[in-house]
Protein backbone atom coordinates (compact mmCIF):
# COMPACT_ATOMS: atom_id res chain seq x y z
CA UNK A 1 52.39 -56.96 -45.84
CA UNK A 2 54.31 -60.26 -44.97
CA UNK A 3 52.11 -62.09 -47.14
CA UNK A 4 53.10 -60.25 -50.13
CA UNK A 5 56.90 -60.43 -49.53
CA UNK A 6 57.87 -63.22 -52.06
CA UNK A 7 59.96 -66.03 -50.72
CA UNK A 8 60.15 -64.50 -47.10
CA UNK A 9 58.88 -66.59 -44.33
CA UNK A 10 57.64 -65.04 -41.20
CA UNK A 11 56.05 -66.01 -37.92
CA UNK A 12 53.81 -63.24 -36.57
CA UNK A 13 52.87 -63.43 -32.90
CA UNK A 14 52.23 -61.06 -29.96
CA UNK A 15 51.14 -60.70 -26.42
CA UNK A 16 48.90 -63.11 -24.56
CA UNK A 17 45.83 -61.00 -25.29
CA UNK A 18 46.89 -60.71 -28.94
CA UNK A 19 46.77 -64.45 -29.34
CA UNK A 20 43.11 -64.21 -28.07
CA UNK A 21 41.97 -61.87 -30.78
CA UNK A 22 40.42 -63.46 -33.66
CA UNK A 23 42.18 -63.17 -37.15
CA UNK A 24 40.37 -65.62 -39.17
CA UNK A 25 38.37 -63.45 -41.40
CA UNK A 26 41.60 -61.57 -42.51
CA UNK A 27 43.54 -64.76 -42.99
CA UNK A 28 40.85 -66.27 -44.85
CA UNK A 29 40.69 -63.17 -47.16
CA UNK A 30 44.30 -63.23 -47.75
CA UNK A 31 44.55 -66.96 -48.50
CA UNK A 32 41.47 -66.42 -51.04
CA UNK A 33 43.73 -63.88 -53.02
CA UNK A 34 46.52 -66.52 -53.06
CA UNK A 35 48.46 -66.10 -49.76
CA UNK A 36 49.94 -68.81 -47.97
CA UNK A 37 49.13 -68.34 -44.22
CA UNK A 38 48.64 -71.12 -41.63
CA UNK A 39 48.13 -71.23 -37.76
CA UNK A 40 50.93 -72.05 -35.53
CA UNK A 41 48.62 -72.96 -32.58
CA UNK A 42 44.98 -72.50 -32.34
CA UNK A 43 42.97 -72.17 -35.60
CA UNK A 44 41.68 -68.46 -36.09
CA UNK A 45 44.26 -66.96 -33.76
CA UNK A 46 47.85 -65.75 -33.76
CA UNK A 47 50.63 -67.00 -34.15
CA UNK A 48 50.56 -67.24 -37.78
CA UNK A 49 53.17 -68.94 -40.18
CA UNK A 50 53.31 -66.58 -43.39
CA UNK A 51 55.10 -67.74 -46.55
CA UNK A 52 55.12 -64.70 -48.73
CA UNK A 53 54.17 -65.08 -52.40
CA UNK A 54 52.73 -63.08 -55.26
CA UNK A 55 48.94 -62.71 -54.73
CA UNK A 56 47.41 -63.43 -58.00
CA UNK A 57 43.49 -63.02 -57.41
CA UNK A 58 42.03 -59.62 -57.28
CA UNK A 59 38.48 -59.81 -55.60
CA UNK A 60 37.65 -60.57 -52.17
CA UNK A 61 34.45 -60.26 -49.97
CA UNK A 62 34.31 -59.45 -46.21
CA UNK A 63 31.47 -58.58 -43.77
CA UNK A 64 31.03 -54.89 -43.53
CA UNK A 65 30.50 -54.94 -39.91
CA UNK A 66 33.97 -56.33 -38.90
CA UNK A 67 36.89 -54.47 -37.37
CA UNK A 68 37.90 -51.69 -40.18
CA UNK A 69 41.49 -52.74 -39.41
CA UNK A 70 40.97 -55.85 -41.49
CA UNK A 71 39.53 -53.83 -44.38
CA UNK A 72 42.36 -51.15 -44.20
CA UNK A 73 44.97 -53.98 -44.03
CA UNK A 74 43.80 -55.07 -47.32
CA UNK A 75 43.47 -51.59 -48.85
CA UNK A 76 47.11 -50.81 -48.12
CA UNK A 77 48.58 -53.73 -49.88
CA UNK A 78 46.15 -53.43 -52.88
CA UNK A 79 48.39 -51.12 -55.03
CA UNK A 80 51.34 -53.57 -54.79
CA UNK A 81 49.16 -56.49 -56.09
CA UNK A 82 49.69 -57.32 -59.70
CA UNK A 83 45.88 -56.76 -60.64
CA UNK A 84 44.88 -54.41 -57.93
CA UNK A 85 42.01 -55.39 -55.66
CA UNK A 86 38.23 -55.11 -55.39
CA UNK A 87 36.76 -55.53 -51.80
CA UNK A 88 33.04 -56.39 -51.72
CA UNK A 89 31.57 -55.58 -48.19
CA UNK A 90 28.45 -57.57 -47.08
CA UNK A 91 25.98 -56.69 -44.42
CA UNK A 92 25.88 -53.09 -42.91
CA UNK A 93 29.28 -51.32 -43.19
CA UNK A 94 30.52 -49.92 -39.72
CA UNK A 95 33.38 -47.87 -39.00
CA UNK A 96 33.39 -46.05 -42.25
CA UNK A 97 35.40 -43.14 -41.42
CA UNK A 98 38.33 -45.39 -40.77
CA UNK A 99 37.76 -46.89 -44.29
CA UNK A 100 37.60 -43.46 -46.11
CA UNK A 101 40.58 -42.19 -44.16
CA UNK A 102 42.60 -45.00 -45.41
CA UNK A 103 41.27 -44.35 -48.89
CA UNK A 104 42.14 -40.57 -48.73
CA UNK A 105 45.79 -41.64 -47.74
CA UNK A 106 45.99 -43.92 -50.73
CA UNK A 107 44.68 -41.01 -53.06
CA UNK A 108 47.10 -38.45 -51.61
CA UNK A 109 49.86 -40.99 -52.54
CA UNK A 110 48.70 -40.86 -56.06
CA UNK A 111 46.86 -44.32 -56.23
CA UNK A 112 43.57 -44.76 -58.21
CA UNK A 113 40.89 -45.67 -55.50
CA UNK A 114 37.00 -45.77 -55.44
CA UNK A 115 34.62 -46.57 -52.65
CA UNK A 116 31.04 -46.65 -53.85
CA UNK A 117 28.08 -48.34 -52.23
CA UNK A 118 29.65 -51.61 -50.73
CA UNK A 119 32.56 -51.90 -53.06
CA UNK A 120 36.10 -50.65 -52.71
CA UNK A 121 38.33 -50.79 -55.85
CA UNK A 122 42.03 -50.07 -56.04
CA UNK A 123 44.02 -50.12 -59.02
CA UNK A 124 47.86 -51.53 -59.12
CA UNK A 125 50.46 -48.61 -59.01
CA UNK A 126 53.76 -47.50 -57.45
CA UNK A 127 54.82 -44.39 -55.64
CA UNK A 128 56.73 -42.12 -57.96
CA UNK A 129 58.32 -39.78 -55.45
CA UNK A 130 58.53 -39.48 -51.62
CA UNK A 131 56.16 -37.22 -49.92
CA UNK A 132 56.35 -35.06 -46.66
CA UNK A 133 53.21 -35.05 -44.68
CA UNK A 134 52.19 -33.20 -41.55
CA UNK A 135 50.14 -35.75 -39.54
CA UNK A 136 47.05 -34.29 -37.72
CA UNK A 137 47.13 -35.30 -33.82
CA UNK A 138 44.88 -38.23 -32.83
CA UNK A 139 41.11 -37.24 -32.12
CA UNK A 140 40.70 -40.23 -29.97
CA UNK A 141 43.53 -39.08 -27.64
CA UNK A 142 41.88 -35.68 -27.36
CA UNK A 143 38.82 -37.45 -25.89
CA UNK A 144 40.39 -37.77 -22.53
CA UNK A 145 40.86 -33.97 -22.45
CA UNK A 146 37.34 -33.24 -23.49
CA UNK A 147 36.34 -35.51 -20.54
CA UNK A 148 38.58 -33.51 -18.06
CA UNK A 149 36.86 -30.29 -19.11
CA UNK A 150 33.42 -31.82 -18.90
CA UNK A 151 33.94 -33.09 -15.42
CA UNK A 152 35.91 -30.04 -14.17
CA UNK A 153 34.07 -27.28 -12.46
CA UNK A 154 35.72 -24.71 -14.84
CA UNK A 155 38.69 -24.42 -17.13
CA UNK A 156 40.29 -24.44 -20.55
CA UNK A 157 42.69 -26.80 -22.42
CA UNK A 158 44.64 -26.10 -25.47
CA UNK A 159 45.43 -28.90 -27.94
CA UNK A 160 47.48 -29.08 -31.10
CA UNK A 161 47.41 -30.05 -34.16
CA UNK A 162 43.82 -30.36 -35.12
CA UNK A 163 41.91 -29.43 -38.14
CA UNK A 164 38.13 -28.32 -38.39
CA UNK A 165 37.87 -30.49 -41.53
CA UNK A 166 39.41 -33.63 -40.05
CA UNK A 167 39.39 -37.05 -41.95
CA UNK A 168 39.20 -38.77 -38.61
CA UNK A 169 35.75 -40.21 -37.42
CA UNK A 170 36.56 -39.47 -33.84
CA UNK A 171 36.45 -35.57 -34.70
CA UNK A 172 32.70 -36.25 -33.87
CA UNK A 173 34.05 -35.58 -30.21
CA UNK A 174 33.29 -31.82 -31.11
CA UNK A 175 29.65 -32.30 -31.47
CA UNK A 176 29.21 -35.10 -28.80
CA UNK A 177 30.83 -33.28 -25.90
CA UNK A 178 28.91 -30.00 -26.76
CA UNK A 179 25.97 -31.99 -25.38
CA UNK A 180 28.21 -32.58 -22.22
CA UNK A 181 29.33 -29.19 -21.67
CA UNK A 182 32.40 -28.59 -23.67
CA UNK A 183 32.66 -25.92 -26.37
CA UNK A 184 35.54 -26.43 -29.01
CA UNK A 185 37.12 -23.33 -30.66
CA UNK A 186 39.36 -23.95 -33.72
CA UNK A 187 42.25 -21.40 -33.99
CA UNK A 188 45.20 -21.88 -36.55
CA UNK A 189 45.65 -25.60 -36.23
CA UNK A 190 44.84 -25.59 -32.53
CA UNK A 191 41.65 -26.36 -30.52
CA UNK A 192 40.64 -24.71 -27.31
CA UNK A 193 38.24 -26.88 -25.10
CA UNK A 194 36.30 -24.71 -22.56
CA UNK A 195 33.53 -25.19 -20.11
CA UNK A 196 30.23 -23.93 -21.40
CA UNK A 197 28.95 -21.26 -18.91
CA UNK A 198 25.66 -22.09 -17.09
CA UNK A 199 25.56 -25.57 -18.74
CA UNK A 200 22.60 -27.77 -17.75
CA UNK A 201 23.89 -31.29 -17.50
CA UNK A 202 21.46 -33.76 -19.31
CA UNK A 203 19.77 -36.53 -17.43
CA UNK A 204 20.13 -39.00 -20.43
CA UNK A 205 21.83 -39.28 -23.67
CA UNK A 206 21.84 -41.73 -26.43
CA UNK A 207 24.46 -42.25 -29.14
CA UNK A 208 25.09 -44.58 -31.85
CA UNK A 209 28.89 -45.09 -32.02
CA UNK A 210 29.22 -47.55 -34.93
CA UNK A 211 31.59 -45.01 -36.70
CA UNK A 212 33.42 -43.95 -33.59
CA UNK A 213 33.75 -47.09 -31.31
CA UNK A 214 37.08 -45.86 -29.64
CA UNK A 215 35.25 -43.10 -27.97
CA UNK A 216 32.88 -45.28 -26.12
CA UNK A 217 34.98 -45.87 -22.87
CA UNK A 218 35.62 -42.08 -22.59
CA UNK A 219 31.90 -41.16 -23.10
CA UNK A 220 30.62 -43.80 -20.76
CA UNK A 221 33.02 -42.53 -17.90
CA UNK A 222 32.28 -38.93 -18.62
CA UNK A 223 28.44 -39.67 -18.13
CA UNK A 224 29.26 -41.64 -15.00
CA UNK A 225 31.08 -38.75 -13.56
CA UNK A 226 28.41 -36.01 -14.59
CA UNK A 227 25.46 -38.14 -13.42
CA UNK A 228 24.03 -38.72 -16.64
CA UNK A 229 22.36 -41.92 -17.67
CA UNK A 230 23.34 -43.04 -21.31
CA UNK A 231 22.69 -45.65 -23.98
CA UNK A 232 25.38 -46.36 -26.27
CA UNK A 233 24.95 -48.59 -29.47
CA UNK A 234 27.05 -49.68 -32.28
CA UNK A 235 29.68 -51.20 -29.98
CA UNK A 236 30.04 -54.82 -31.53
CA UNK A 237 33.59 -54.42 -32.18
CA UNK A 238 34.43 -53.70 -28.58
CA UNK A 239 34.68 -57.17 -27.61
CA UNK A 240 37.52 -58.00 -29.70
CA UNK A 241 39.78 -55.10 -28.81
CA UNK A 242 42.80 -55.37 -26.17
CA UNK A 243 40.15 -56.52 -23.81
CA UNK A 244 36.41 -57.24 -23.92
CA UNK A 245 35.78 -53.49 -23.36
CA UNK A 246 32.03 -53.79 -22.86
CA UNK A 247 32.49 -56.26 -20.05
CA UNK A 248 35.38 -54.27 -18.44
CA UNK A 249 33.40 -51.03 -18.48
CA UNK A 250 30.61 -52.90 -16.65
CA UNK A 251 32.87 -54.31 -14.02
CA UNK A 252 34.66 -51.23 -13.26
CA UNK A 253 31.82 -48.80 -13.31
CA UNK A 254 29.64 -50.94 -11.08
CA UNK A 255 32.63 -50.90 -8.45
CA UNK A 256 31.94 -47.17 -8.28
CA UNK A 257 28.23 -47.92 -7.65
CA UNK A 258 26.71 -47.53 -11.10
CA UNK A 259 24.17 -49.98 -12.67
CA UNK A 260 25.34 -51.36 -16.02
CA UNK A 261 23.66 -53.37 -18.70
CA UNK A 262 25.61 -54.71 -21.89
CA UNK A 263 24.71 -56.76 -24.99
CA UNK A 264 26.79 -57.64 -27.77
CA UNK A 265 26.31 -54.39 -29.24
CA UNK A 266 25.14 -51.80 -26.55
CA UNK A 267 25.67 -50.35 -23.18
CA UNK A 268 23.23 -48.89 -20.83
CA UNK A 269 24.43 -46.93 -17.80
CA UNK A 270 22.30 -45.86 -14.86
CA UNK A 271 24.29 -43.43 -12.95
CA UNK A 272 25.22 -43.75 -9.14
CA UNK A 273 23.69 -41.01 -6.94
CA UNK A 274 26.90 -40.94 -5.15
CA UNK A 275 30.11 -42.57 -6.49
CA UNK A 276 32.09 -44.89 -4.36
CA UNK A 277 35.67 -43.48 -3.46
CA UNK A 278 38.98 -44.80 -3.57
CA UNK A 279 38.10 -47.59 -5.87
CA UNK A 280 41.04 -49.17 -7.56
CA UNK A 281 40.27 -49.34 -11.39
CA UNK A 282 41.58 -52.53 -13.39
CA UNK A 283 42.97 -51.87 -16.84
CA UNK A 284 42.80 -55.20 -18.26
CA UNK A 285 46.12 -54.31 -20.25
CA UNK A 286 44.02 -51.76 -22.29
CA UNK A 287 45.53 -48.39 -22.71
CA UNK A 288 42.03 -46.76 -23.25
CA UNK A 289 40.73 -48.28 -20.01
CA UNK A 290 43.41 -46.23 -18.19
CA UNK A 291 43.09 -42.96 -20.03
CA UNK A 292 39.11 -43.24 -20.02
CA UNK A 293 38.84 -43.47 -16.18
CA UNK A 294 41.72 -40.87 -15.30
CA UNK A 295 39.40 -37.69 -15.70
CA UNK A 296 36.93 -39.32 -13.08
CA UNK A 297 39.68 -38.40 -10.52
CA UNK A 298 38.19 -34.95 -10.81
CA UNK A 299 35.00 -36.15 -9.21
CA UNK A 300 36.05 -38.90 -6.79
CA UNK A 301 39.36 -40.36 -5.40
CA UNK A 302 40.44 -43.29 -7.43
CA UNK A 303 43.61 -45.52 -8.16
CA UNK A 304 44.39 -46.54 -11.92
CA UNK A 305 46.22 -49.96 -11.62
CA UNK A 306 48.85 -50.91 -14.01
CA UNK A 307 49.03 -47.30 -15.41
CA UNK A 308 51.93 -47.98 -17.64
CA UNK A 309 49.56 -49.67 -20.14
CA UNK A 310 49.08 -46.21 -21.76
CA UNK A 311 52.51 -46.74 -23.23
CA UNK A 312 50.86 -48.43 -26.19
CA UNK A 313 49.58 -45.12 -27.64
CA UNK A 314 50.19 -42.31 -25.30
CA UNK A 315 53.38 -42.83 -23.20
CA UNK A 316 53.39 -39.18 -22.07
CA UNK A 317 49.80 -39.25 -21.04
CA UNK A 318 50.38 -39.13 -17.16
CA UNK A 319 53.07 -36.44 -17.57
CA UNK A 320 50.66 -34.39 -19.55
CA UNK A 321 48.00 -34.84 -16.87
CA UNK A 322 50.53 -33.77 -14.06
CA UNK A 323 51.17 -30.71 -16.38
CA UNK A 324 47.55 -29.56 -16.02
CA UNK A 325 47.36 -30.26 -12.17
CA UNK A 326 46.45 -33.87 -11.73
CA UNK A 327 47.80 -35.71 -8.63
CA UNK A 328 50.16 -38.28 -9.46
CA UNK A 329 48.65 -40.55 -6.57
CA UNK A 330 45.93 -41.27 -8.84
CA UNK A 331 48.36 -43.62 -11.06
């Protein structure tokens, strides 16, 4: 956005962790379109010095296996570019649902887009009139309540507002957690999560999460609590999130007694026969670490350190957990 604001100079920075997250691929892509972006400190990382100008080029190539946030960022500015934008994605394309969700929003706003094969094309255009939207609730935030129901002896939780034909890739939760003992019932914009009666917990599950990487932490912790071994793949983007999430998961789950092996793309969990109790879970300034481990309190006493980190995406999380009966001592 700032790269397209003519004659406007901006310094874009953030927290210590934000300054450790690589941004070079996006900066290179924008500069190839005619942007004027430089690094204030270390090459490849924020802070960035941005001198806004009109972007004159209309074609860029990016690896398809990078964070979809880079791709979505380019898509969102594309209609404002004089000649529109064509994005060619090389290699295997991951996180496709996030790309198609961005495309569908642009389509709803009246812009002309296409996503065929490895090519995204967006024509220039402007919004002709304001629109009013009802925004669906976040499926990744629902994952923690799926985990709670999976780890509970019994119970039901109602959540609003969710649609059976969701654009969000993380709606895959419905099918994933059916294999972990949770039934999802849709009813007038709400979902009811309920424990499947007489469910037999699987010894092992294997999932490719390349399209839903934000679910990895929650699923891993659910499996840990259920005593289910798991193989999770498609996780290559987790190392450049708020923390190195693969390493963080390994460290914290091993505190609880599990055996965890990780690669750049995968996690293998061998569950602990007995979970260690009263373990203090480090959250690494990562909101999803805190929320993913919280449901485990149903199986073993734990403490979540730096619990306020959830404010990044779900500031009312702990209040909602108290509402359904969690002890505040956990956090």
